[in-house]
Full PDB file with SEQRES, HELIX, SHEET, SSBOND, CRYST1, ORIGX, SCALE, CONECT and MASTER records, all heavy atoms in Angstrom:
SEQRES   1 A   35  SER ASN ALA TRP TYR VAL SER ALA ASN SER VAL LEU SER          
SEQRES   2 A   35  GLU VAL SER ASP ALA HIS GLY ILE MET PHE ILE ASP PRO          
SEQRES   3 A   35  THR SER LEU ASP LEU PHE SER GLY GLU                          
HELIX    1 AA1 ALA A    3  ALA A   18  1                                  16    
HELIX    2 AA2 PRO A   26  LEU A   29  1                                   4    
CRYST1    1.000    1.000    1.000  90.00  90.00  90.00 P 1           1          
ORIGX1      1.000000  0.000000  0.000000        0.00000                         
ORIGX2      0.000000  1.000000  0.000000        0.00000                         
ORIGX3      0.000000  0.000000  1.000000        0.00000                         
SCALE1      1.000000  0.000000  0.000000        0.00000                         
SCALE2      0.000000  1.000000  0.000000        0.00000                         
SCALE3      0.000000  0.000000  1.000000        0.00000                         
ATOM      1  N   SER A   1      22.888 -11.969  39.878  1.00  0.00           N  
ATOM      2  CA  SER A   1      22.381 -13.214  40.440  1.00  0.00           C  
ATOM      3  C   SER A   1      21.864 -12.973  41.852  1.00  0.00           C  
ATOM      4  O   SER A   1      22.371 -12.124  42.574  1.00  0.00           O  
ATOM      5  CB  SER A   1      23.483 -14.265  40.478  1.00  0.00           C  
ATOM      6  OG  SER A   1      23.956 -14.530  39.183  1.00  0.00           O  
ATOM      7  N   ASN A   2      20.831 -13.727  42.223  1.00  0.00           N  
ATOM      8  CA  ASN A   2      20.360 -13.666  43.594  1.00  0.00           C  
ATOM      9  C   ASN A   2      20.167 -15.088  44.108  1.00  0.00           C  
ATOM     10  O   ASN A   2      20.308 -16.065  43.360  1.00  0.00           O  
ATOM     11  CB  ASN A   2      19.075 -12.836  43.709  1.00  0.00           C  
ATOM     12  CG  ASN A   2      17.930 -13.429  42.901  1.00  0.00           C  
ATOM     13  OD1 ASN A   2      17.702 -14.635  42.892  1.00  0.00           O  
ATOM     14  ND2 ASN A   2      17.182 -12.570  42.215  1.00  0.00           N  
ATOM     15  N   ALA A   3      19.862 -15.215  45.383  1.00  0.00           N  
ATOM     16  CA  ALA A   3      19.798 -16.539  46.021  1.00  0.00           C  
ATOM     17  C   ALA A   3      18.770 -17.451  45.369  1.00  0.00           C  
ATOM     18  O   ALA A   3      18.979 -18.672  45.301  1.00  0.00           O  
ATOM     19  CB  ALA A   3      19.495 -16.373  47.510  1.00  0.00           C  
ATOM     20  N   TRP A   4      17.671 -16.899  44.870  1.00  0.00           N  
ATOM     21  CA  TRP A   4      16.626 -17.707  44.259  1.00  0.00           C  
ATOM     22  C   TRP A   4      17.131 -18.368  42.974  1.00  0.00           C  
ATOM     23  O   TRP A   4      16.950 -19.554  42.738  1.00  0.00           O  
ATOM     24  CB  TRP A   4      15.394 -16.838  44.010  1.00  0.00           C  
ATOM     25  CG  TRP A   4      14.217 -17.473  43.350  1.00  0.00           C  
ATOM     26  CD1 TRP A   4      13.424 -16.883  42.409  1.00  0.00           C  
ATOM     27  CD2 TRP A   4      13.644 -18.769  43.564  1.00  0.00           C  
ATOM     28  NE1 TRP A   4      12.410 -17.735  42.019  1.00  0.00           N  
ATOM     29  CE2 TRP A   4      12.527 -18.908  42.727  1.00  0.00           C  
ATOM     30  CE3 TRP A   4      13.979 -19.838  44.383  1.00  0.00           C  
ATOM     31  CZ2 TRP A   4      11.738 -20.053  42.663  1.00  0.00           C  
ATOM     32  CZ3 TRP A   4      13.202 -21.004  44.339  1.00  0.00           C  
ATOM     33  CH2 TRP A   4      12.088 -21.084  43.481  1.00  0.00           C  
ATOM     34  N   TYR A   5      17.805 -17.609  42.145  1.00  0.00           N  
ATOM     35  CA  TYR A   5      18.381 -18.151  40.911  1.00  0.00           C  
ATOM     36  C   TYR A   5      19.485 -19.169  41.229  1.00  0.00           C  
ATOM     37  O   TYR A   5      19.596 -20.209  40.582  1.00  0.00           O  
ATOM     38  CB  TYR A   5      18.942 -17.034  40.033  1.00  0.00           C  
ATOM     39  CG  TYR A   5      17.891 -16.329  39.220  1.00  0.00           C  
ATOM     40  CD1 TYR A   5      17.097 -15.330  39.777  1.00  0.00           C  
ATOM     41  CD2 TYR A   5      17.694 -16.656  37.889  1.00  0.00           C  
ATOM     42  CE1 TYR A   5      16.135 -14.685  39.032  1.00  0.00           C  
ATOM     43  CE2 TYR A   5      16.728 -16.012  37.126  1.00  0.00           C  
ATOM     44  CZ  TYR A   5      15.953 -15.029  37.707  1.00  0.00           C  
ATOM     45  OH  TYR A   5      14.991 -14.392  36.957  1.00  0.00           O  
ATOM     46  N   VAL A   6      20.298 -18.855  42.214  1.00  0.00           N  
ATOM     47  CA  VAL A   6      21.379 -19.768  42.605  1.00  0.00           C  
ATOM     48  C   VAL A   6      20.793 -21.096  43.080  1.00  0.00           C  
ATOM     49  O   VAL A   6      21.269 -22.167  42.693  1.00  0.00           O  
ATOM     50  CB  VAL A   6      22.268 -19.128  43.692  1.00  0.00           C  
ATOM     51  CG1 VAL A   6      23.225 -20.142  44.288  1.00  0.00           C  
ATOM     52  CG2 VAL A   6      23.040 -17.938  43.113  1.00  0.00           C  
ATOM     53  N   SER A   7      19.739 -21.052  43.884  1.00  0.00           N  
ATOM     54  CA  SER A   7      19.100 -22.281  44.369  1.00  0.00           C  
ATOM     55  C   SER A   7      18.507 -23.098  43.233  1.00  0.00           C  
ATOM     56  O   SER A   7      18.661 -24.323  43.182  1.00  0.00           O  
ATOM     57  CB  SER A   7      17.997 -21.951  45.386  1.00  0.00           C  
ATOM     58  OG  SER A   7      18.541 -21.368  46.531  1.00  0.00           O  
ATOM     59  N   ALA A   8      17.817 -22.424  42.321  1.00  0.00           N  
ATOM     60  CA  ALA A   8      17.193 -23.126  41.200  1.00  0.00           C  
ATOM     61  C   ALA A   8      18.252 -23.770  40.300  1.00  0.00           C  
ATOM     62  O   ALA A   8      18.105 -24.923  39.862  1.00  0.00           O  
ATOM     63  CB  ALA A   8      16.317 -22.171  40.396  1.00  0.00           C  
ATOM     64  N   ASN A   9      19.342 -23.060  40.048  1.00  0.00           N  
ATOM     65  CA  ASN A   9      20.397 -23.623  39.218  1.00  0.00           C  
ATOM     66  C   ASN A   9      21.145 -24.739  39.933  1.00  0.00           C  
ATOM     67  O   ASN A   9      21.648 -25.665  39.291  1.00  0.00           O  
ATOM     68  CB  ASN A   9      21.352 -22.534  38.737  1.00  0.00           C  
ATOM     69  CG  ASN A   9      20.780 -21.779  37.558  1.00  0.00           C  
ATOM     70  OD1 ASN A   9      19.841 -22.236  36.901  1.00  0.00           O  
ATOM     71  ND2 ASN A   9      21.324 -20.612  37.280  1.00  0.00           N  
ATOM     72  N   SER A  10      21.207 -24.675  41.230  1.00  0.00           N  
ATOM     73  CA  SER A  10      21.814 -25.762  41.997  1.00  0.00           C  
ATOM     74  C   SER A  10      21.026 -27.056  41.802  1.00  0.00           C  
ATOM     75  O   SER A  10      21.600 -28.139  41.637  1.00  0.00           O  
ATOM     76  CB  SER A  10      21.888 -25.382  43.479  1.00  0.00           C  
ATOM     77  OG  SER A  10      22.439 -26.442  44.221  1.00  0.00           O  
ATOM     78  N   VAL A  11      19.700 -26.932  41.797  1.00  0.00           N  
ATOM     79  CA  VAL A  11      18.847 -28.108  41.557  1.00  0.00           C  
ATOM     80  C   VAL A  11      19.090 -28.653  40.153  1.00  0.00           C  
ATOM     81  O   VAL A  11      19.273 -29.857  39.964  1.00  0.00           O  
ATOM     82  CB  VAL A  11      17.358 -27.750  41.764  1.00  0.00           C  
ATOM     83  CG1 VAL A  11      16.447 -28.845  41.224  1.00  0.00           C  
ATOM     84  CG2 VAL A  11      17.078 -27.500  43.237  1.00  0.00           C  
ATOM     85  N   LEU A  12      19.113 -27.780  39.153  1.00  0.00           N  
ATOM     86  CA  LEU A  12      19.353 -28.232  37.776  1.00  0.00           C  
ATOM     87  C   LEU A  12      20.727 -28.866  37.633  1.00  0.00           C  
ATOM     88  O   LEU A  12      20.896 -29.852  36.908  1.00  0.00           O  
ATOM     89  CB  LEU A  12      19.210 -27.074  36.796  1.00  0.00           C  
ATOM     90  CG  LEU A  12      17.798 -26.567  36.537  1.00  0.00           C  
ATOM     91  CD1 LEU A  12      17.843 -25.413  35.533  1.00  0.00           C  
ATOM     92  CD2 LEU A  12      16.899 -27.685  36.031  1.00  0.00           C  
ATOM     93  N   SER A  13      21.709 -28.327  38.317  1.00  0.00           N  
ATOM     94  CA  SER A  13      23.050 -28.889  38.275  1.00  0.00           C  
ATOM     95  C   SER A  13      23.063 -30.306  38.844  1.00  0.00           C  
ATOM     96  O   SER A  13      23.654 -31.220  38.256  1.00  0.00           O  
ATOM     97  CB  SER A  13      24.016 -27.991  39.055  1.00  0.00           C  
ATOM     98  OG  SER A  13      25.311 -28.555  39.081  1.00  0.00           O  
ATOM     99  N   GLU A  14      22.395 -30.497  39.976  1.00  0.00           N  
ATOM    100  CA  GLU A  14      22.338 -31.822  40.606  1.00  0.00           C  
ATOM    101  C   GLU A  14      21.661 -32.840  39.689  1.00  0.00           C  
ATOM    102  O   GLU A  14      22.137 -33.966  39.533  1.00  0.00           O  
ATOM    103  CB  GLU A  14      21.570 -31.749  41.927  1.00  0.00           C  
ATOM    104  CG  GLU A  14      22.271 -30.998  43.027  1.00  0.00           C  
ATOM    105  CD  GLU A  14      21.357 -30.728  44.209  1.00  0.00           C  
ATOM    106  OE1 GLU A  14      20.282 -31.380  44.320  1.00  0.00           O  
ATOM    107  OE2 GLU A  14      21.696 -29.860  45.031  1.00  0.00           O  
ATOM    108  N   VAL A  15      20.540 -32.439  39.095  1.00  0.00           N  
ATOM    109  CA  VAL A  15      19.796 -33.356  38.228  1.00  0.00           C  
ATOM    110  C   VAL A  15      20.604 -33.657  36.967  1.00  0.00           C  
ATOM    111  O   VAL A  15      20.677 -34.810  36.528  1.00  0.00           O  
ATOM    112  CB  VAL A  15      18.398 -32.789  37.881  1.00  0.00           C  
ATOM    113  CG1 VAL A  15      17.665 -33.717  36.928  1.00  0.00           C  
ATOM    114  CG2 VAL A  15      17.575 -32.582  39.149  1.00  0.00           C  
ATOM    115  N   SER A  16      21.232 -32.644  36.390  1.00  0.00           N  
ATOM    116  CA  SER A  16      22.065 -32.852  35.208  1.00  0.00           C  
ATOM    117  C   SER A  16      23.191 -33.829  35.522  1.00  0.00           C  
ATOM    118  O   SER A  16      23.444 -34.777  34.765  1.00  0.00           O  
ATOM    119  CB  SER A  16      22.658 -31.523  34.719  1.00  0.00           C  
ATOM    120  OG  SER A  16      21.650 -30.634  34.333  1.00  0.00           O  
ATOM    121  N   ASP A  17      23.849 -33.602  36.640  1.00  0.00           N  
ATOM    122  CA  ASP A  17      24.961 -34.459  37.042  1.00  0.00           C  
ATOM    123  C   ASP A  17      24.504 -35.911  37.236  1.00  0.00           C  
ATOM    124  O   ASP A  17      25.207 -36.847  36.851  1.00  0.00           O  
ATOM    125  CB  ASP A  17      25.588 -33.917  38.331  1.00  0.00           C  
ATOM    126  CG  ASP A  17      26.858 -34.636  38.691  1.00  0.00           C  
ATOM    127  OD1 ASP A  17      27.771 -34.705  37.834  1.00  0.00           O  
ATOM    128  OD2 ASP A  17      26.965 -35.147  39.827  1.00  0.00           O  
ATOM    129  N   ALA A  18      23.328 -36.085  37.803  1.00  0.00           N  
ATOM    130  CA  ALA A  18      22.803 -37.439  38.025  1.00  0.00           C  
ATOM    131  C   ALA A  18      22.592 -38.197  36.722  1.00  0.00           C  
ATOM    132  O   ALA A  18      22.618 -39.422  36.696  1.00  0.00           O  
ATOM    133  CB  ALA A  18      21.494 -37.367  38.814  1.00  0.00           C  
ATOM    134  N   HIS A  19      22.385 -37.455  35.624  1.00  0.00           N  
ATOM    135  CA  HIS A  19      22.162 -38.084  34.317  1.00  0.00           C  
ATOM    136  C   HIS A  19      23.396 -38.011  33.417  1.00  0.00           C  
ATOM    137  O   HIS A  19      23.328 -38.370  32.242  1.00  0.00           O  
ATOM    138  CB  HIS A  19      20.965 -37.416  33.615  1.00  0.00           C  
ATOM    139  CG  HIS A  19      19.669 -37.750  34.259  1.00  0.00           C  
ATOM    140  ND1 HIS A  19      18.991 -38.925  34.028  1.00  0.00           N  
ATOM    141  CD2 HIS A  19      18.922 -37.077  35.183  1.00  0.00           C  
ATOM    142  CE1 HIS A  19      17.884 -38.959  34.746  1.00  0.00           C  
ATOM    143  NE2 HIS A  19      17.814 -37.838  35.460  1.00  0.00           N  
ATOM    144  N   GLY A  20      24.512 -37.539  33.970  1.00  0.00           N  
ATOM    145  CA  GLY A  20      25.730 -37.423  33.180  1.00  0.00           C  
ATOM    146  C   GLY A  20      25.642 -36.371  32.092  1.00  0.00           C  
ATOM    147  O   GLY A  20      26.283 -36.481  31.049  1.00  0.00           O  
ATOM    148  N   ILE A  21      24.844 -35.332  32.345  1.00  0.00           N  
ATOM    149  CA  ILE A  21      24.631 -34.258  31.376  1.00  0.00           C  
ATOM    150  C   ILE A  21      25.460 -33.050  31.783  1.00  0.00           C  
ATOM    151  O   ILE A  21      25.534 -32.687  32.959  1.00  0.00           O  
ATOM    152  CB  ILE A  21      23.128 -33.891  31.313  1.00  0.00           C  
ATOM    153  CG1 ILE A  21      22.333 -35.062  30.724  1.00  0.00           C  
ATOM    154  CG2 ILE A  21      22.897 -32.617  30.527  1.00  0.00           C  
ATOM    155  CD1 ILE A  21      20.839 -34.879  30.766  1.00  0.00           C  
ATOM    156  N   MET A  22      26.101 -32.425  30.798  1.00  0.00           N  
ATOM    157  CA  MET A  22      26.900 -31.227  31.048  1.00  0.00           C  
ATOM    158  C   MET A  22      25.990 -30.077  31.472  1.00  0.00           C  
ATOM    159  O   MET A  22      24.882 -29.949  30.975  1.00  0.00           O  
ATOM    160  CB  MET A  22      27.685 -30.851  29.783  1.00  0.00           C  
ATOM    161  CG  MET A  22      28.740 -31.872  29.401  1.00  0.00           C  
ATOM    162  SD  MET A  22      29.398 -31.622  27.733  1.00  0.00           S  
ATOM    163  CE  MET A  22      28.220 -32.602  26.787  1.00  0.00           C  
ATOM    164  N   PHE A  23      26.496 -29.233  32.369  1.00  0.00           N  
ATOM    165  CA  PHE A  23      25.695 -28.125  32.903  1.00  0.00           C  
ATOM    166  C   PHE A  23      26.507 -26.843  32.900  1.00  0.00           C  
ATOM    167  O   PHE A  23      27.680 -26.827  33.289  1.00  0.00           O  
ATOM    168  CB  PHE A  23      25.236 -28.447  34.324  1.00  0.00           C  
ATOM    169  CG  PHE A  23      24.388 -27.365  34.937  1.00  0.00           C  
ATOM    170  CD1 PHE A  23      23.059 -27.208  34.553  1.00  0.00           C  
ATOM    171  CD2 PHE A  23      24.918 -26.489  35.874  1.00  0.00           C  
ATOM    172  CE1 PHE A  23      22.265 -26.201  35.102  1.00  0.00           C  
ATOM    173  CE2 PHE A  23      24.136 -25.485  36.433  1.00  0.00           C  
ATOM    174  CZ  PHE A  23      22.809 -25.343  36.040  1.00  0.00           C  
ATOM    175  N   ILE A  24      25.876 -25.761  32.469  1.00  0.00           N  
ATOM    176  CA  ILE A  24      26.451 -24.421  32.531  1.00  0.00           C  
ATOM    177  C   ILE A  24      25.587 -23.596  33.470  1.00  0.00           C  
ATOM    178  O   ILE A  24      24.371 -23.499  33.276  1.00  0.00           O  
ATOM    179  CB  ILE A  24      26.509 -23.761  31.139  1.00  0.00           C  
ATOM    180  CG1 ILE A  24      27.422 -24.565  30.194  1.00  0.00           C  
ATOM    181  CG2 ILE A  24      26.985 -22.308  31.249  1.00  0.00           C  
ATOM    182  CD1 ILE A  24      27.383 -24.099  28.749  1.00  0.00           C  
ATOM    183  N   ASP A  25      26.207 -22.984  34.465  1.00  0.00           N  
ATOM    184  CA  ASP A  25      25.476 -22.198  35.463  1.00  0.00           C  
ATOM    185  C   ASP A  25      25.668 -20.702  35.210  1.00  0.00           C  
ATOM    186  O   ASP A  25      26.712 -20.140  35.559  1.00  0.00           O  
ATOM    187  CB  ASP A  25      25.969 -22.559  36.863  1.00  0.00           C  
ATOM    188  CG  ASP A  25      25.188 -21.853  37.950  1.00  0.00           C  
ATOM    189  OD1 ASP A  25      24.285 -21.037  37.631  1.00  0.00           O  
ATOM    190  OD2 ASP A  25      25.459 -22.117  39.136  1.00  0.00           O  
ATOM    191  N   PRO A  26      24.684 -20.046  34.599  1.00  0.00           N  
ATOM    192  CA  PRO A  26      24.816 -18.608  34.345  1.00  0.00           C  
ATOM    193  C   PRO A  26      24.962 -17.770  35.611  1.00  0.00           C  
ATOM    194  O   PRO A  26      25.547 -16.683  35.550  1.00  0.00           O  
ATOM    195  CB  PRO A  26      23.514 -18.255  33.612  1.00  0.00           C  
ATOM    196  CG  PRO A  26      23.096 -19.538  32.972  1.00  0.00           C  
ATOM    197  CD  PRO A  26      23.486 -20.596  33.981  1.00  0.00           C  
ATOM    198  N   THR A  27      24.469 -18.260  36.749  1.00  0.00           N  
ATOM    199  CA  THR A  27      24.611 -17.457  37.972  1.00  0.00           C  
ATOM    200  C   THR A  27      26.067 -17.376  38.406  1.00  0.00           C  
ATOM    201  O   THR A  27      26.483 -16.382  38.979  1.00  0.00           O  
ATOM    202  CB  THR A  27      23.747 -18.010  39.128  1.00  0.00           C  
ATOM    203  OG1 THR A  27      24.109 -19.359  39.402  1.00  0.00           O  
ATOM    204  CG2 THR A  27      22.272 -17.939  38.799  1.00  0.00           C  
ATOM    205  N   SER A  28      26.858 -18.402  38.116  1.00  0.00           N  
ATOM    206  CA  SER A  28      28.271 -18.357  38.490  1.00  0.00           C  
ATOM    207  C   SER A  28      29.067 -17.459  37.554  1.00  0.00           C  
ATOM    208  O   SER A  28      30.164 -17.016  37.886  1.00  0.00           O  
ATOM    209  CB  SER A  28      28.865 -19.770  38.499  1.00  0.00           C  
ATOM    210  OG  SER A  28      28.967 -20.276  37.182  1.00  0.00           O  
ATOM    211  N   LEU A  29      28.511 -17.185  36.373  1.00  0.00           N  
ATOM    212  CA  LEU A  29      29.203 -16.331  35.401  1.00  0.00           C  
ATOM    213  C   LEU A  29      28.874 -14.854  35.595  1.00  0.00           C  
ATOM    214  O   LEU A  29      29.583 -13.989  35.090  1.00  0.00           O  
ATOM    215  CB  LEU A  29      28.828 -16.754  33.974  1.00  0.00           C  
ATOM    216  CG  LEU A  29      29.141 -18.206  33.616  1.00  0.00           C  
ATOM    217  CD1 LEU A  29      28.591 -18.540  32.234  1.00  0.00           C  
ATOM    218  CD2 LEU A  29      30.630 -18.478  33.694  1.00  0.00           C  
ATOM    219  N   ASP A  30      27.771 -14.568  36.300  1.00  0.00           N  
ATOM    220  CA  ASP A  30      27.358 -13.188  36.590  1.00  0.00           C  
ATOM    221  C   ASP A  30      27.405 -12.325  35.330  1.00  0.00           C  
ATOM    222  O   ASP A  30      28.107 -11.325  35.249  1.00  0.00           O  
ATOM    223  CB  ASP A  30      28.245 -12.605  37.685  1.00  0.00           C  
ATOM    224  CG  ASP A  30      27.598 -11.405  38.364  1.00  0.00           C  
ATOM    225  OD1 ASP A  30      26.348 -11.337  38.379  1.00  0.00           O  
ATOM    226  OD2 ASP A  30      28.334 -10.537  38.860  1.00  0.00           O  
ATOM    227  N   LEU A  31      26.631 -12.723  34.336  1.00  0.00           N  
ATOM    228  CA  LEU A  31      26.726 -12.151  32.998  1.00  0.00           C  
ATOM    229  C   LEU A  31      26.117 -10.765  32.833  1.00  0.00           C  
ATOM    230  O   LEU A  31      26.611  -9.962  32.048  1.00  0.00           O  
ATOM    231  CB  LEU A  31      26.064 -13.103  31.995  1.00  0.00           C  
ATOM    232  CG  LEU A  31      26.670 -14.496  31.898  1.00  0.00           C  
ATOM    233  CD1 LEU A  31      25.823 -15.376  30.993  1.00  0.00           C  
ATOM    234  CD2 LEU A  31      28.099 -14.417  31.397  1.00  0.00           C  
ATOM    235  N   PHE A  32      25.004 -10.495  33.522  1.00  0.00           N  
ATOM    236  CA  PHE A  32      24.245  -9.284  33.197  1.00  0.00           C  
ATOM    237  C   PHE A  32      24.078  -8.335  34.374  1.00  0.00           C  
ATOM    238  O   PHE A  32      23.094  -7.624  34.469  1.00  0.00           O  
ATOM    239  CB  PHE A  32      22.885  -9.677  32.616  1.00  0.00           C  
ATOM    240  CG  PHE A  32      23.030 -10.465  31.338  1.00  0.00           C  
ATOM    241  CD1 PHE A  32      22.745 -11.813  31.315  1.00  0.00           C  
ATOM    242  CD2 PHE A  32      23.497  -9.862  30.185  1.00  0.00           C  
ATOM    243  CE1 PHE A  32      22.903 -12.554  30.153  1.00  0.00           C  
ATOM    244  CE2 PHE A  32      23.668 -10.585  29.017  1.00  0.00           C  
ATOM    245  CZ  PHE A  32      23.372 -11.934  29.002  1.00  0.00           C  
ATOM    246  N   SER A  33      25.070  -8.307  35.240  1.00  0.00           N  
ATOM    247  CA  SER A  33      25.019  -7.353  36.345  1.00  0.00           C  
ATOM    248  C   SER A  33      25.870  -6.137  36.015  1.00  0.00           C  
ATOM    249  O   SER A  33      26.558  -6.097  34.986  1.00  0.00           O  
ATOM    250  CB  SER A  33      25.528  -8.016  37.633  1.00  0.00           C  
ATOM    251  OG  SER A  33      26.892  -8.373  37.481  1.00  0.00           O  
ATOM    252  N   GLY A  34      25.791  -5.140  36.868  1.00  0.00           N  
ATOM    253  CA  GLY A  34      26.606  -3.937  36.704  1.00  0.00           C  
ATOM    254  C   GLY A  34      26.422  -3.289  35.349  1.00  0.00           C  
ATOM    255  O   GLY A  34      25.299  -3.107  34.865  1.00  0.00           O  
ATOM    256  N   GLU A  35      27.533  -2.979  34.693  1.00  0.00           N  
ATOM    257  CA  GLU A  35      27.499  -2.302  33.405  1.00  0.00           C  
ATOM    258  C   GLU A  35      26.814  -3.144  32.326  1.00  0.00           C  
ATOM    259  O   GLU A  35      26.253  -2.612  31.369  1.00  0.00           O  
ATOM    260  CB  GLU A  35      28.931  -1.962  32.974  1.00  0.00           C  
ATOM    261  CG  GLU A  35      29.011  -1.013  31.807  1.00  0.00           C  
ATOM    262  CD  GLU A  35      30.437  -0.579  31.539  1.00  0.00           C  
ATOM    263  OE1 GLU A  35      31.074  -0.035  32.461  1.00  0.00           O  
ATOM    264  OE2 GLU A  35      30.900  -0.789  30.396  1.00  0.00           O  
TER     265      GLU A  35                                                      
MASTER        0    0    0    2    0    0    0    6  264    1    0    3          
END                                                                             
């Protein structure tokens, strides 16, 4: 994850929350780094 992805997902999280929609943030899971 980098700051650009984190910022973009932060926006999606805010908008999802405003509509009562569940949100999963892949940047917080750090799925595809390292090994």
